[in-house]
Amino acid sequence: MNCDVFRDLLARSFAQMARTAEQGSRTVQVPKEPLDQPPLTIHTLGARELRREARRVSKIDEATRDLARDMLRSMYAARGIGLAAPQVGVPKQILVIDLDIDEAATPPLVLINPEITATGASLNTYEEGCLSIPKVYLDVVRPSTIEVNFRDENGRPRRLKADGLLARCIQHEMDHLQGVLFVDRVTDELSLNEGLQQQGFERQHVLSIR
């Protein structure tokens, strides 16, 4: 993808995320400066926690918001743009996303019990990475647009139409709720094996989806 297209993709995704997050997300907004000691440990490929199916959140309360804040702090510490609760060993359907981690004023997006209700007909191939598989970047095919229903950090029902980077990030993080990792969706076996080997990960921990 050329630089102009990528900038346009990011710009549209930033604007969309900002509109959706609204002022309410400031209830979980935390400083974006990376911490030397983040509150949560992000599990990596091979950990059993990453393969557990997440449970729906039955009650959205201050404990839920505290978890979202700690997830954000841990995500910022790792310089990521998305994190799912199973990655930190919590089998709950909670995602945090922030596509603009260098802009302190931009609020993050919190999705609780997210459900994709529609996907666009067009597919897009794009390089993905994951905080649970650091320094491995591989192409993944996903729908270009989605519609998702979820609850925000205050328990309010939300509906979001997403495209570009935001749509991809939501799909990537929602996979974690089913115990699926992005490497499971990679179809280029040669690139997959090389990428994992270079970073010391074992191919046996990949559960390929075909």
N, C-alpha and C. Protein backbone atom coordinates (compact mmCIF):
# COMPACT_ATOMS: atom_id res chain seq x y z
N MET A 1 0.85 -1.19 0.00
CA MET A 1 0.00 0.00 0.00
C MET A 1 0.88 1.24 0.00
N ASN A 2 0.59 2.21 -0.92
CA ASN A 2 1.44 3.39 -0.95
C ASN A 2 1.11 4.34 0.20
N CYS A 3 1.99 5.28 0.44
CA CYS A 3 1.90 6.14 1.61
C CYS A 3 0.63 6.98 1.61
N ASP A 4 0.23 7.52 0.43
CA ASP A 4 -0.96 8.37 0.36
C ASP A 4 -2.21 7.59 0.73
N VAL A 5 -2.32 6.36 0.23
CA VAL A 5 -3.48 5.54 0.54
C VAL A 5 -3.52 5.21 2.02
N PHE A 6 -2.34 4.90 2.60
CA PHE A 6 -2.28 4.56 4.02
C PHE A 6 -2.69 5.76 4.87
N ARG A 7 -2.21 6.98 4.51
CA ARG A 7 -2.58 8.17 5.27
C ARG A 7 -4.08 8.42 5.21
N ASP A 8 -4.66 8.20 4.02
CA ASP A 8 -6.11 8.39 3.88
C ASP A 8 -6.87 7.38 4.72
N LEU A 9 -6.40 6.14 4.73
CA LEU A 9 -7.02 5.10 5.52
C LEU A 9 -6.99 5.44 7.00
N LEU A 10 -5.83 5.89 7.48
CA LEU A 10 -5.69 6.27 8.89
C LEU A 10 -6.59 7.45 9.23
N ALA A 11 -6.62 8.45 8.35
CA ALA A 11 -7.40 9.65 8.63
C ALA A 11 -8.88 9.31 8.79
N ARG A 12 -9.40 8.48 7.89
CA ARG A 12 -10.80 8.10 7.98
C ARG A 12 -11.07 7.27 9.23
N SER A 13 -10.14 6.40 9.58
CA SER A 13 -10.32 5.57 10.77
C SER A 13 -10.27 6.40 12.04
N PHE A 14 -9.34 7.37 12.11
CA PHE A 14 -9.24 8.25 13.29
C PHE A 14 -10.54 9.02 13.48
N ALA A 15 -11.05 9.60 12.39
CA ALA A 15 -12.26 10.40 12.48
C ALA A 15 -13.45 9.56 12.94
N GLN A 16 -13.54 8.36 12.39
CA GLN A 16 -14.63 7.48 12.76
C GLN A 16 -14.55 7.06 14.21
N MET A 17 -13.37 6.71 14.67
CA MET A 17 -13.20 6.29 16.06
C MET A 17 -13.53 7.43 17.01
N ALA A 18 -13.11 8.63 16.69
CA ALA A 18 -13.37 9.77 17.55
C ALA A 18 -14.87 10.04 17.67
N ARG A 19 -15.60 9.92 16.53
CA ARG A 19 -17.04 10.14 16.56
C ARG A 19 -17.73 9.10 17.42
N THR A 20 -17.27 7.85 17.30
CA THR A 20 -17.93 6.76 18.01
C THR A 20 -17.64 6.78 19.49
N ALA A 21 -16.39 7.06 19.86
CA ALA A 21 -15.99 7.03 21.26
C ALA A 21 -16.75 8.07 22.09
N GLU A 22 -16.94 9.27 21.51
CA GLU A 22 -17.65 10.37 22.16
C GLU A 22 -17.01 10.73 23.50
N GLN A 23 -17.68 11.57 24.22
CA GLN A 23 -17.12 12.05 25.47
C GLN A 23 -17.12 10.98 26.56
N GLY A 24 -18.03 10.01 26.45
CA GLY A 24 -18.15 9.01 27.50
C GLY A 24 -16.90 8.20 27.73
N SER A 25 -16.10 7.99 26.70
CA SER A 25 -14.91 7.17 26.87
C SER A 25 -13.88 7.83 27.76
N ARG A 26 -14.05 9.09 28.06
CA ARG A 26 -13.10 9.75 28.96
C ARG A 26 -13.20 9.18 30.38
N THR A 27 -14.25 8.40 30.66
CA THR A 27 -14.35 7.79 31.99
C THR A 27 -13.30 6.72 32.18
N VAL A 28 -12.70 6.21 31.10
CA VAL A 28 -11.63 5.22 31.22
C VAL A 28 -10.33 5.74 30.64
N GLN A 29 -10.30 6.96 30.17
CA GLN A 29 -9.09 7.48 29.54
C GLN A 29 -7.97 7.60 30.57
N VAL A 30 -6.78 7.14 30.20
CA VAL A 30 -5.62 7.18 31.08
C VAL A 30 -4.47 7.83 30.31
N PRO A 31 -3.43 8.30 31.00
CA PRO A 31 -2.28 8.86 30.29
C PRO A 31 -1.69 7.83 29.33
N LYS A 32 -1.25 8.31 28.18
CA LYS A 32 -0.74 7.41 27.15
C LYS A 32 0.77 7.20 27.20
N GLU A 33 1.41 7.83 28.14
CA GLU A 33 2.85 7.62 28.27
C GLU A 33 3.12 6.19 28.72
N PRO A 34 4.02 5.48 28.03
CA PRO A 34 4.32 4.09 28.42
C PRO A 34 4.86 3.99 29.84
N LEU A 35 4.37 3.00 30.58
CA LEU A 35 4.83 2.75 31.94
C LEU A 35 5.98 1.75 31.94
N ASP A 36 6.92 1.94 32.87
CA ASP A 36 8.01 0.97 33.01
C ASP A 36 7.49 -0.37 33.53
N GLN A 37 6.47 -0.32 34.38
CA GLN A 37 5.89 -1.53 34.92
C GLN A 37 4.37 -1.51 34.71
N PRO A 38 3.91 -1.99 33.56
CA PRO A 38 2.47 -2.00 33.29
C PRO A 38 1.74 -2.91 34.27
N PRO A 39 0.47 -2.63 34.54
CA PRO A 39 -0.26 -3.39 35.56
C PRO A 39 -0.58 -4.82 35.18
N LEU A 40 -0.64 -5.14 33.88
CA LEU A 40 -1.03 -6.47 33.43
C LEU A 40 0.05 -7.07 32.53
N THR A 41 0.18 -8.37 32.59
CA THR A 41 1.12 -9.09 31.73
C THR A 41 0.41 -9.57 30.47
N ILE A 42 0.97 -9.28 29.32
CA ILE A 42 0.39 -9.72 28.06
C ILE A 42 0.99 -11.09 27.71
N HIS A 43 0.13 -12.09 27.62
CA HIS A 43 0.58 -13.45 27.32
C HIS A 43 0.98 -13.57 25.85
N THR A 44 1.91 -14.46 25.58
CA THR A 44 2.41 -14.63 24.21
C THR A 44 2.09 -16.01 23.68
N LEU A 45 2.29 -16.16 22.37
CA LEU A 45 1.95 -17.39 21.65
C LEU A 45 2.50 -18.62 22.38
N GLY A 46 1.61 -19.58 22.59
CA GLY A 46 1.96 -20.78 23.34
C GLY A 46 1.29 -20.82 24.70
N ALA A 47 0.86 -19.66 25.20
CA ALA A 47 0.17 -19.60 26.49
C ALA A 47 -1.26 -20.13 26.35
N ARG A 48 -1.69 -20.93 27.29
CA ARG A 48 -3.04 -21.51 27.24
C ARG A 48 -4.12 -20.44 27.34
N GLU A 49 -3.80 -19.35 28.04
CA GLU A 49 -4.79 -18.28 28.21
C GLU A 49 -5.29 -17.73 26.87
N LEU A 50 -4.44 -17.75 25.87
CA LEU A 50 -4.81 -17.18 24.57
C LEU A 50 -5.80 -18.05 23.80
N ARG A 51 -5.96 -19.29 24.21
CA ARG A 51 -6.85 -20.21 23.50
C ARG A 51 -8.17 -20.43 24.22
N ARG A 52 -8.39 -19.72 25.32
CA ARG A 52 -9.64 -19.85 26.05
C ARG A 52 -10.71 -18.95 25.45
N GLU A 53 -11.91 -19.46 25.35
CA GLU A 53 -13.02 -18.65 24.84
C GLU A 53 -13.51 -17.72 25.93
N ALA A 54 -13.69 -16.46 25.59
CA ALA A 54 -14.07 -15.44 26.57
C ALA A 54 -15.57 -15.49 26.87
N ARG A 55 -15.91 -15.15 28.09
CA ARG A 55 -17.31 -15.12 28.52
C ARG A 55 -17.88 -13.70 28.37
N ARG A 56 -19.18 -13.63 28.14
CA ARG A 56 -19.85 -12.34 28.10
C ARG A 56 -19.80 -11.69 29.47
N VAL A 57 -19.75 -10.38 29.47
CA VAL A 57 -19.76 -9.61 30.72
C VAL A 57 -21.21 -9.39 31.12
N SER A 58 -21.60 -9.90 32.29
CA SER A 58 -23.00 -9.79 32.71
C SER A 58 -23.31 -8.48 33.41
N LYS A 59 -22.29 -7.90 34.05
CA LYS A 59 -22.50 -6.64 34.78
C LYS A 59 -21.35 -5.69 34.49
N ILE A 60 -21.67 -4.53 33.96
CA ILE A 60 -20.66 -3.53 33.65
C ILE A 60 -20.64 -2.51 34.79
N ASP A 61 -19.57 -2.56 35.57
CA ASP A 61 -19.48 -1.74 36.77
C ASP A 61 -18.09 -1.12 36.86
N GLU A 62 -17.77 -0.57 38.02
CA GLU A 62 -16.47 0.09 38.17
C GLU A 62 -15.32 -0.89 38.04
N ALA A 63 -15.54 -2.14 38.45
CA ALA A 63 -14.49 -3.15 38.29
C ALA A 63 -14.21 -3.39 36.81
N THR A 64 -15.25 -3.35 36.00
CA THR A 64 -15.08 -3.49 34.55
C THR A 64 -14.28 -2.33 34.00
N ARG A 65 -14.60 -1.13 34.45
CA ARG A 65 -13.88 0.05 33.98
C ARG A 65 -12.43 0.05 34.47
N ASP A 66 -12.21 -0.44 35.69
CA ASP A 66 -10.84 -0.55 36.19
C ASP A 66 -10.02 -1.51 35.32
N LEU A 67 -10.63 -2.61 34.91
CA LEU A 67 -9.94 -3.55 34.04
C LEU A 67 -9.62 -2.89 32.71
N ALA A 68 -10.58 -2.15 32.15
CA ALA A 68 -10.34 -1.46 30.88
C ALA A 68 -9.19 -0.46 31.01
N ARG A 69 -9.13 0.25 32.13
CA ARG A 69 -8.03 1.21 32.35
C ARG A 69 -6.69 0.48 32.41
N ASP A 70 -6.64 -0.63 33.14
CA ASP A 70 -5.39 -1.37 33.23
C ASP A 70 -5.00 -1.98 31.88
N MET A 71 -5.99 -2.40 31.11
CA MET A 71 -5.71 -2.90 29.76
C MET A 71 -5.12 -1.80 28.90
N LEU A 72 -5.67 -0.60 29.01
CA LEU A 72 -5.14 0.53 28.24
C LEU A 72 -3.71 0.86 28.66
N ARG A 73 -3.47 0.90 29.95
CA ARG A 73 -2.11 1.19 30.43
C ARG A 73 -1.12 0.16 29.91
N SER A 74 -1.52 -1.09 29.93
CA SER A 74 -0.64 -2.16 29.45
C SER A 74 -0.46 -2.09 27.95
N MET A 75 -1.51 -1.74 27.22
CA MET A 75 -1.43 -1.59 25.77
C MET A 75 -0.51 -0.44 25.39
N TYR A 76 -0.66 0.69 26.07
CA TYR A 76 0.20 1.83 25.77
C TYR A 76 1.67 1.52 26.09
N ALA A 77 1.89 0.77 27.16
CA ALA A 77 3.25 0.41 27.53
C ALA A 77 3.91 -0.42 26.44
N ALA A 78 3.11 -1.23 25.75
CA ALA A 78 3.62 -2.07 24.68
C ALA A 78 3.54 -1.39 23.31
N ARG A 79 3.06 -0.15 23.28
CA ARG A 79 2.92 0.62 22.04
C ARG A 79 2.01 -0.08 21.04
N GLY A 80 0.90 -0.63 21.56
CA GLY A 80 -0.09 -1.28 20.70
C GLY A 80 -1.29 -0.39 20.47
N ILE A 81 -2.14 -0.79 19.52
CA ILE A 81 -3.36 -0.02 19.22
C ILE A 81 -4.62 -0.80 19.58
N GLY A 82 -4.46 -2.05 20.03
CA GLY A 82 -5.61 -2.83 20.42
C GLY A 82 -5.21 -3.94 21.37
N LEU A 83 -6.12 -4.28 22.30
CA LEU A 83 -5.84 -5.34 23.26
C LEU A 83 -7.17 -5.96 23.69
N ALA A 84 -7.18 -7.29 23.78
CA ALA A 84 -8.35 -8.02 24.24
C ALA A 84 -8.07 -8.61 25.62
N ALA A 85 -9.10 -8.71 26.43
CA ALA A 85 -8.92 -9.18 27.80
C ALA A 85 -8.26 -10.56 27.89
N PRO A 86 -8.57 -11.51 26.99
CA PRO A 86 -7.88 -12.81 27.09
C PRO A 86 -6.36 -12.70 26.96
N GLN A 87 -5.86 -11.68 26.30
CA GLN A 87 -4.42 -11.52 26.16
C GLN A 87 -3.74 -11.24 27.51
N VAL A 88 -4.51 -10.72 28.46
CA VAL A 88 -3.95 -10.47 29.79
C VAL A 88 -4.49 -11.47 30.80
N GLY A 89 -4.98 -12.61 30.30
CA GLY A 89 -5.41 -13.69 31.16
C GLY A 89 -6.78 -13.55 31.75
N VAL A 90 -7.61 -12.64 31.21
CA VAL A 90 -8.97 -12.44 31.72
C VAL A 90 -9.95 -12.89 30.64
N PRO A 91 -10.65 -14.00 30.84
CA PRO A 91 -11.53 -14.54 29.79
C PRO A 91 -12.89 -13.83 29.73
N LYS A 92 -12.84 -12.55 29.47
CA LYS A 92 -14.06 -11.75 29.36
C LYS A 92 -14.09 -11.03 28.01
N GLN A 93 -15.28 -10.76 27.52
CA GLN A 93 -15.44 -10.14 26.21
C GLN A 93 -15.29 -8.62 26.31
N ILE A 94 -14.04 -8.20 26.44
CA ILE A 94 -13.71 -6.78 26.56
C ILE A 94 -12.54 -6.48 25.63
N LEU A 95 -12.69 -5.42 24.83
CA LEU A 95 -11.63 -4.95 23.95
C LEU A 95 -11.36 -3.48 24.23
N VAL A 96 -10.10 -3.07 24.10
CA VAL A 96 -9.76 -1.64 24.10
C VAL A 96 -8.99 -1.35 22.82
N ILE A 97 -9.30 -0.22 22.20
CA ILE A 97 -8.68 0.16 20.93
C ILE A 97 -8.37 1.65 20.95
N ASP A 98 -7.21 2.00 20.46
CA ASP A 98 -6.83 3.40 20.31
C ASP A 98 -5.89 3.50 19.10
N LEU A 99 -6.41 3.99 18.00
CA LEU A 99 -5.61 4.10 16.79
C LEU A 99 -4.69 5.31 16.81
N ASP A 100 -4.86 6.19 17.79
CA ASP A 100 -4.10 7.44 17.82
C ASP A 100 -3.37 7.54 19.16
N ILE A 101 -2.46 6.62 19.39
CA ILE A 101 -1.81 6.53 20.71
C ILE A 101 -0.84 7.68 20.97
N ASP A 102 -0.50 8.44 19.95
CA ASP A 102 0.41 9.57 20.14
C ASP A 102 -0.32 10.88 20.40
N GLU A 103 -1.64 10.85 20.39
CA GLU A 103 -2.43 12.05 20.64
C GLU A 103 -3.16 11.90 21.97
N ALA A 104 -2.70 12.63 22.97
CA ALA A 104 -3.22 12.47 24.33
C ALA A 104 -4.72 12.77 24.44
N ALA A 105 -5.22 13.67 23.60
CA ALA A 105 -6.61 14.10 23.74
C ALA A 105 -7.60 13.14 23.12
N THR A 106 -7.15 12.24 22.26
CA THR A 106 -8.06 11.32 21.59
C THR A 106 -8.47 10.21 22.55
N PRO A 107 -9.78 10.07 22.84
CA PRO A 107 -10.20 9.03 23.77
C PRO A 107 -10.14 7.65 23.14
N PRO A 108 -9.92 6.62 23.93
CA PRO A 108 -9.91 5.26 23.40
C PRO A 108 -11.33 4.75 23.19
N LEU A 109 -11.41 3.61 22.55
CA LEU A 109 -12.69 2.95 22.31
C LEU A 109 -12.71 1.67 23.14
N VAL A 110 -13.79 1.48 23.91
CA VAL A 110 -13.96 0.27 24.71
C VAL A 110 -15.18 -0.47 24.18
N LEU A 111 -15.00 -1.74 23.85
CA LEU A 111 -16.09 -2.56 23.34
C LEU A 111 -16.29 -3.75 24.28
N ILE A 112 -17.48 -3.85 24.84
CA ILE A 112 -17.82 -4.93 25.75
C ILE A 112 -18.91 -5.78 25.11
N ASN A 113 -18.74 -7.09 25.13
CA ASN A 113 -19.66 -8.02 24.47
C ASN A 113 -19.90 -7.65 23.01
N PRO A 114 -18.84 -7.42 22.24
CA PRO A 114 -19.03 -7.01 20.84
C PRO A 114 -19.56 -8.16 19.99
N GLU A 115 -20.36 -7.81 19.00
CA GLU A 115 -20.92 -8.79 18.07
C GLU A 115 -20.95 -8.18 16.67
N ILE A 116 -20.29 -8.81 15.73
CA ILE A 116 -20.33 -8.36 14.35
C ILE A 116 -21.66 -8.79 13.74
N THR A 117 -22.44 -7.82 13.29
CA THR A 117 -23.77 -8.11 12.76
C THR A 117 -23.80 -8.12 11.24
N ALA A 118 -22.78 -7.54 10.59
CA ALA A 118 -22.73 -7.53 9.13
C ALA A 118 -21.30 -7.30 8.68
N THR A 119 -20.96 -7.86 7.54
CA THR A 119 -19.65 -7.63 6.92
C THR A 119 -19.85 -7.25 5.46
N GLY A 120 -18.95 -6.42 4.95
CA GLY A 120 -19.02 -6.02 3.56
C GLY A 120 -18.60 -7.16 2.63
N ALA A 121 -18.95 -7.02 1.37
CA ALA A 121 -18.64 -8.07 0.40
C ALA A 121 -17.17 -8.08 0.00
N SER A 122 -16.51 -6.92 0.09
CA SER A 122 -15.12 -6.85 -0.37
C SER A 122 -14.17 -7.29 0.72
N LEU A 123 -13.08 -7.95 0.28
CA LEU A 123 -12.03 -8.40 1.18
C LEU A 123 -10.77 -7.60 0.95
N ASN A 124 -9.95 -7.51 1.98
CA ASN A 124 -8.72 -6.74 1.90
C ASN A 124 -7.59 -7.52 2.56
N THR A 125 -6.43 -7.50 1.93
CA THR A 125 -5.25 -8.14 2.49
C THR A 125 -4.34 -7.06 3.07
N TYR A 126 -3.94 -7.24 4.32
CA TYR A 126 -3.12 -6.22 4.97
C TYR A 126 -2.24 -6.89 6.02
N GLU A 127 -1.09 -6.30 6.26
CA GLU A 127 -0.15 -6.85 7.23
C GLU A 127 -0.61 -6.57 8.66
N GLU A 128 -0.63 -7.60 9.49
CA GLU A 128 -1.03 -7.46 10.88
C GLU A 128 0.11 -7.89 11.81
N GLY A 129 0.06 -7.36 13.01
CA GLY A 129 0.94 -7.79 14.08
C GLY A 129 0.10 -7.95 15.33
N CYS A 130 0.70 -8.42 16.41
CA CYS A 130 -0.06 -8.67 17.64
C CYS A 130 0.86 -8.54 18.84
N LEU A 131 0.35 -7.93 19.90
CA LEU A 131 1.16 -7.79 21.11
C LEU A 131 1.47 -9.14 21.74
N SER A 132 0.69 -10.17 21.41
CA SER A 132 0.94 -11.50 21.92
C SER A 132 1.92 -12.30 21.06
N ILE A 133 2.28 -11.73 19.91
CA ILE A 133 3.27 -12.38 19.04
C ILE A 133 4.21 -11.28 18.55
N PRO A 134 4.97 -10.67 19.45
CA PRO A 134 5.75 -9.48 19.12
C PRO A 134 6.73 -9.68 17.98
N LYS A 135 6.80 -8.65 17.14
CA LYS A 135 7.74 -8.54 16.03
C LYS A 135 7.46 -9.51 14.87
N VAL A 136 6.29 -10.13 14.89
CA VAL A 136 5.88 -10.97 13.75
C VAL A 136 4.78 -10.22 13.01
N TYR A 137 5.00 -9.96 11.71
CA TYR A 137 4.06 -9.20 10.90
C TYR A 137 3.79 -9.98 9.62
N LEU A 138 2.51 -10.32 9.40
CA LEU A 138 2.14 -11.17 8.27
C LEU A 138 0.81 -10.71 7.68
N ASP A 139 0.61 -11.02 6.40
CA ASP A 139 -0.61 -10.63 5.70
C ASP A 139 -1.79 -11.49 6.12
N VAL A 140 -2.94 -10.84 6.33
CA VAL A 140 -4.18 -11.52 6.68
C VAL A 140 -5.30 -10.95 5.82
N VAL A 141 -6.18 -11.81 5.34
CA VAL A 141 -7.33 -11.38 4.55
C VAL A 141 -8.54 -11.24 5.47
N ARG A 142 -9.21 -10.09 5.40
CA ARG A 142 -10.41 -9.85 6.21
C ARG A 142 -11.39 -8.99 5.41
N PRO A 143 -12.67 -9.00 5.80
CA PRO A 143 -13.63 -8.07 5.21
C PRO A 143 -13.20 -6.62 5.43
N SER A 144 -13.43 -5.79 4.42
CA SER A 144 -12.99 -4.39 4.50
C SER A 144 -13.88 -3.55 5.40
N THR A 145 -15.15 -3.92 5.51
CA THR A 145 -16.10 -3.15 6.32
C THR A 145 -16.90 -4.09 7.21
N ILE A 146 -17.28 -3.57 8.37
CA ILE A 146 -18.10 -4.35 9.30
C ILE A 146 -19.10 -3.44 10.00
N GLU A 147 -20.12 -4.07 10.57
CA GLU A 147 -21.00 -3.41 11.52
C GLU A 147 -20.94 -4.22 12.81
N VAL A 148 -20.81 -3.53 13.92
CA VAL A 148 -20.66 -4.22 15.20
C VAL A 148 -21.54 -3.58 16.27
N ASN A 149 -22.22 -4.41 17.04
CA ASN A 149 -22.97 -3.96 18.20
C ASN A 149 -22.16 -4.28 19.45
N PHE A 150 -22.22 -3.40 20.46
CA PHE A 150 -21.48 -3.64 21.69
C PHE A 150 -22.03 -2.74 22.79
N ARG A 151 -21.54 -2.95 23.99
CA ARG A 151 -21.81 -2.05 25.11
C ARG A 151 -20.55 -1.23 25.37
N ASP A 152 -20.72 0.03 25.70
CA ASP A 152 -19.55 0.83 26.05
C ASP A 152 -19.22 0.64 27.52
N GLU A 153 -18.23 1.37 28.02
CA GLU A 153 -17.76 1.18 29.40
C GLU A 153 -18.78 1.62 30.44
N ASN A 154 -19.83 2.32 30.00
CA ASN A 154 -20.91 2.70 30.91
C ASN A 154 -22.14 1.82 30.75
N GLY A 155 -22.01 0.76 29.94
CA GLY A 155 -23.10 -0.18 29.76
C GLY A 155 -24.12 0.22 28.71
N ARG A 156 -23.84 1.31 27.99
CA ARG A 156 -24.79 1.78 26.99
C ARG A 156 -24.64 1.00 25.69
N PRO A 157 -25.75 0.62 25.04
CA PRO A 157 -25.66 -0.10 23.76
C PRO A 157 -25.17 0.82 22.66
N ARG A 158 -24.27 0.31 21.84
CA ARG A 158 -23.70 1.09 20.73
C ARG A 158 -23.74 0.26 19.46
N ARG A 159 -23.79 0.96 18.34
CA ARG A 159 -23.66 0.33 17.03
C ARG A 159 -22.64 1.11 16.22
N LEU A 160 -21.74 0.41 15.60
CA LEU A 160 -20.65 1.06 14.87
C LEU A 160 -20.48 0.45 13.50
N LYS A 161 -20.39 1.31 12.49
CA LYS A 161 -20.00 0.89 11.16
C LYS A 161 -18.53 1.29 10.98
N ALA A 162 -17.70 0.32 10.69
CA ALA A 162 -16.26 0.59 10.62
C ALA A 162 -15.67 0.10 9.31
N ASP A 163 -14.66 0.84 8.85
CA ASP A 163 -13.90 0.39 7.69
C ASP A 163 -12.43 0.66 7.95
N GLY A 164 -11.60 0.35 6.98
CA GLY A 164 -10.19 0.65 7.08
C GLY A 164 -9.52 -0.02 8.27
N LEU A 165 -8.59 0.70 8.87
CA LEU A 165 -7.80 0.16 9.97
C LEU A 165 -8.66 -0.17 11.18
N LEU A 166 -9.68 0.62 11.45
CA LEU A 166 -10.53 0.36 12.60
C LEU A 166 -11.28 -0.95 12.44
N ALA A 167 -11.82 -1.20 11.26
CA ALA A 167 -12.52 -2.47 11.01
C ALA A 167 -11.59 -3.65 11.20
N ARG A 168 -10.38 -3.53 10.69
CA ARG A 168 -9.42 -4.62 10.82
C ARG A 168 -9.03 -4.84 12.28
N CYS A 169 -8.80 -3.77 13.01
CA CYS A 169 -8.40 -3.88 14.41
C CYS A 169 -9.51 -4.53 15.24
N ILE A 170 -10.75 -4.14 15.01
CA ILE A 170 -11.86 -4.75 15.75
C ILE A 170 -11.94 -6.24 15.46
N GLN A 171 -11.83 -6.63 14.20
CA GLN A 171 -11.89 -8.05 13.84
C GLN A 171 -10.73 -8.82 14.47
N HIS A 172 -9.55 -8.24 14.42
CA HIS A 172 -8.37 -8.87 15.02
C HIS A 172 -8.58 -9.12 16.51
N GLU A 173 -9.05 -8.10 17.22
CA GLU A 173 -9.22 -8.23 18.67
C GLU A 173 -10.39 -9.15 19.00
N MET A 174 -11.44 -9.13 18.20
CA MET A 174 -12.57 -10.02 18.45
C MET A 174 -12.18 -11.48 18.26
N ASP A 175 -11.24 -11.76 17.38
CA ASP A 175 -10.75 -13.13 17.24
C ASP A 175 -10.22 -13.65 18.57
N HIS A 176 -9.56 -12.79 19.33
CA HIS A 176 -9.01 -13.21 20.63
C HIS A 176 -10.11 -13.72 21.56
N LEU A 177 -11.31 -13.19 21.41
CA LEU A 177 -12.41 -13.62 22.29
C LEU A 177 -12.83 -15.05 22.00
N GLN A 178 -12.47 -15.56 20.82
CA GLN A 178 -12.77 -16.94 20.44
C GLN A 178 -11.54 -17.84 20.54
N GLY A 179 -10.46 -17.31 21.08
CA GLY A 179 -9.23 -18.09 21.17
C GLY A 179 -8.50 -18.22 19.85
N VAL A 180 -8.74 -17.27 18.95
CA VAL A 180 -8.11 -17.28 17.62
C VAL A 180 -7.07 -16.18 17.55
N LEU A 181 -5.91 -16.48 16.98
CA LEU A 181 -4.84 -15.51 16.79
C LEU A 181 -4.66 -15.22 15.31
N PHE A 182 -4.10 -14.05 15.00
CA PHE A 182 -4.01 -13.68 13.60
C PHE A 182 -3.17 -14.65 12.79
N VAL A 183 -2.18 -15.27 13.41
CA VAL A 183 -1.34 -16.23 12.68
C VAL A 183 -2.14 -17.45 12.25
N ASP A 184 -3.25 -17.73 12.94
CA ASP A 184 -4.09 -18.86 12.54
C ASP A 184 -4.73 -18.62 11.17
N ARG A 185 -4.84 -17.35 10.77
CA ARG A 185 -5.50 -16.99 9.51
C ARG A 185 -4.51 -16.78 8.36
N VAL A 186 -3.22 -16.87 8.63
CA VAL A 186 -2.22 -16.66 7.59
C VAL A 186 -2.18 -17.87 6.66
N THR A 187 -2.25 -17.61 5.36
CA THR A 187 -2.26 -18.70 4.37
C THR A 187 -0.90 -18.94 3.73
N ASP A 188 0.00 -17.99 3.86
CA ASP A 188 1.35 -18.14 3.31
C ASP A 188 2.21 -18.90 4.32
N GLU A 189 2.30 -20.22 4.14
CA GLU A 189 3.00 -21.06 5.10
C GLU A 189 4.49 -20.72 5.20
N LEU A 190 5.11 -20.38 4.10
CA LEU A 190 6.54 -20.07 4.11
C LEU A 190 6.80 -18.83 4.96
N SER A 191 6.04 -17.75 4.70
CA SER A 191 6.22 -16.53 5.47
C SER A 191 5.88 -16.75 6.94
N LEU A 192 4.85 -17.54 7.20
CA LEU A 192 4.45 -17.83 8.57
C LEU A 192 5.57 -18.54 9.32
N ASN A 193 6.11 -19.60 8.73
CA ASN A 193 7.16 -20.36 9.39
C ASN A 193 8.42 -19.52 9.62
N GLU A 194 8.77 -18.72 8.61
CA GLU A 194 9.96 -17.88 8.75
C GLU A 194 9.76 -16.82 9.82
N GLY A 195 8.59 -16.17 9.81
CA GLY A 195 8.33 -15.12 10.78
C GLY A 195 8.35 -15.62 12.21
N LEU A 196 7.75 -16.77 12.44
CA LEU A 196 7.73 -17.35 13.78
C LEU A 196 9.13 -17.77 14.22
N GLN A 197 9.84 -18.42 13.32
CA GLN A 197 11.18 -18.92 13.65
C GLN A 197 12.13 -17.78 14.01
N GLN A 198 12.05 -16.70 13.26
CA GLN A 198 12.94 -15.57 13.50
C GLN A 198 12.76 -14.97 14.89
N GLN A 199 11.56 -15.07 15.43
CA GLN A 199 11.29 -14.48 16.75
C GLN A 199 11.21 -15.52 17.85
N GLY A 200 11.57 -16.76 17.53
CA GLY A 200 11.64 -17.78 18.56
C GLY A 200 10.32 -18.42 18.94
N PHE A 201 9.30 -18.29 18.09
CA PHE A 201 8.01 -18.92 18.36
C PHE A 201 7.93 -20.26 17.63
N GLU A 202 7.11 -21.18 18.17
CA GLU A 202 6.99 -22.51 17.60
C GLU A 202 5.74 -22.63 16.74
N ARG A 203 5.89 -23.23 15.56
CA ARG A 203 4.79 -23.40 14.62
C ARG A 203 3.68 -24.27 15.21
N GLN A 204 4.00 -25.15 16.11
CA GLN A 204 3.01 -26.06 16.67
C GLN A 204 1.93 -25.33 17.46
N HIS A 205 2.18 -24.08 17.85
CA HIS A 205 1.20 -23.32 18.61
C HIS A 205 0.20 -22.57 17.73
N VAL A 206 0.37 -22.70 16.41
CA VAL A 206 -0.56 -22.08 15.47
C VAL A 206 -1.65 -23.09 15.12
N LEU A 207 -2.91 -22.66 15.20
CA LEU A 207 -4.05 -23.51 14.85
C LEU A 207 -4.65 -22.97 13.56
N SER A 208 -4.13 -23.43 12.46
CA SER A 208 -4.47 -22.84 11.15
C SER A 208 -5.96 -22.95 10.85
N ILE A 209 -6.52 -21.86 10.36
CA ILE A 209 -7.91 -21.80 9.91
C ILE A 209 -7.91 -21.84 8.39
N ARG A 210 -8.52 -22.82 7.82
CA ARG A 210 -8.56 -22.95 6.35
C ARG A 210 -10.00 -23.01 5.87
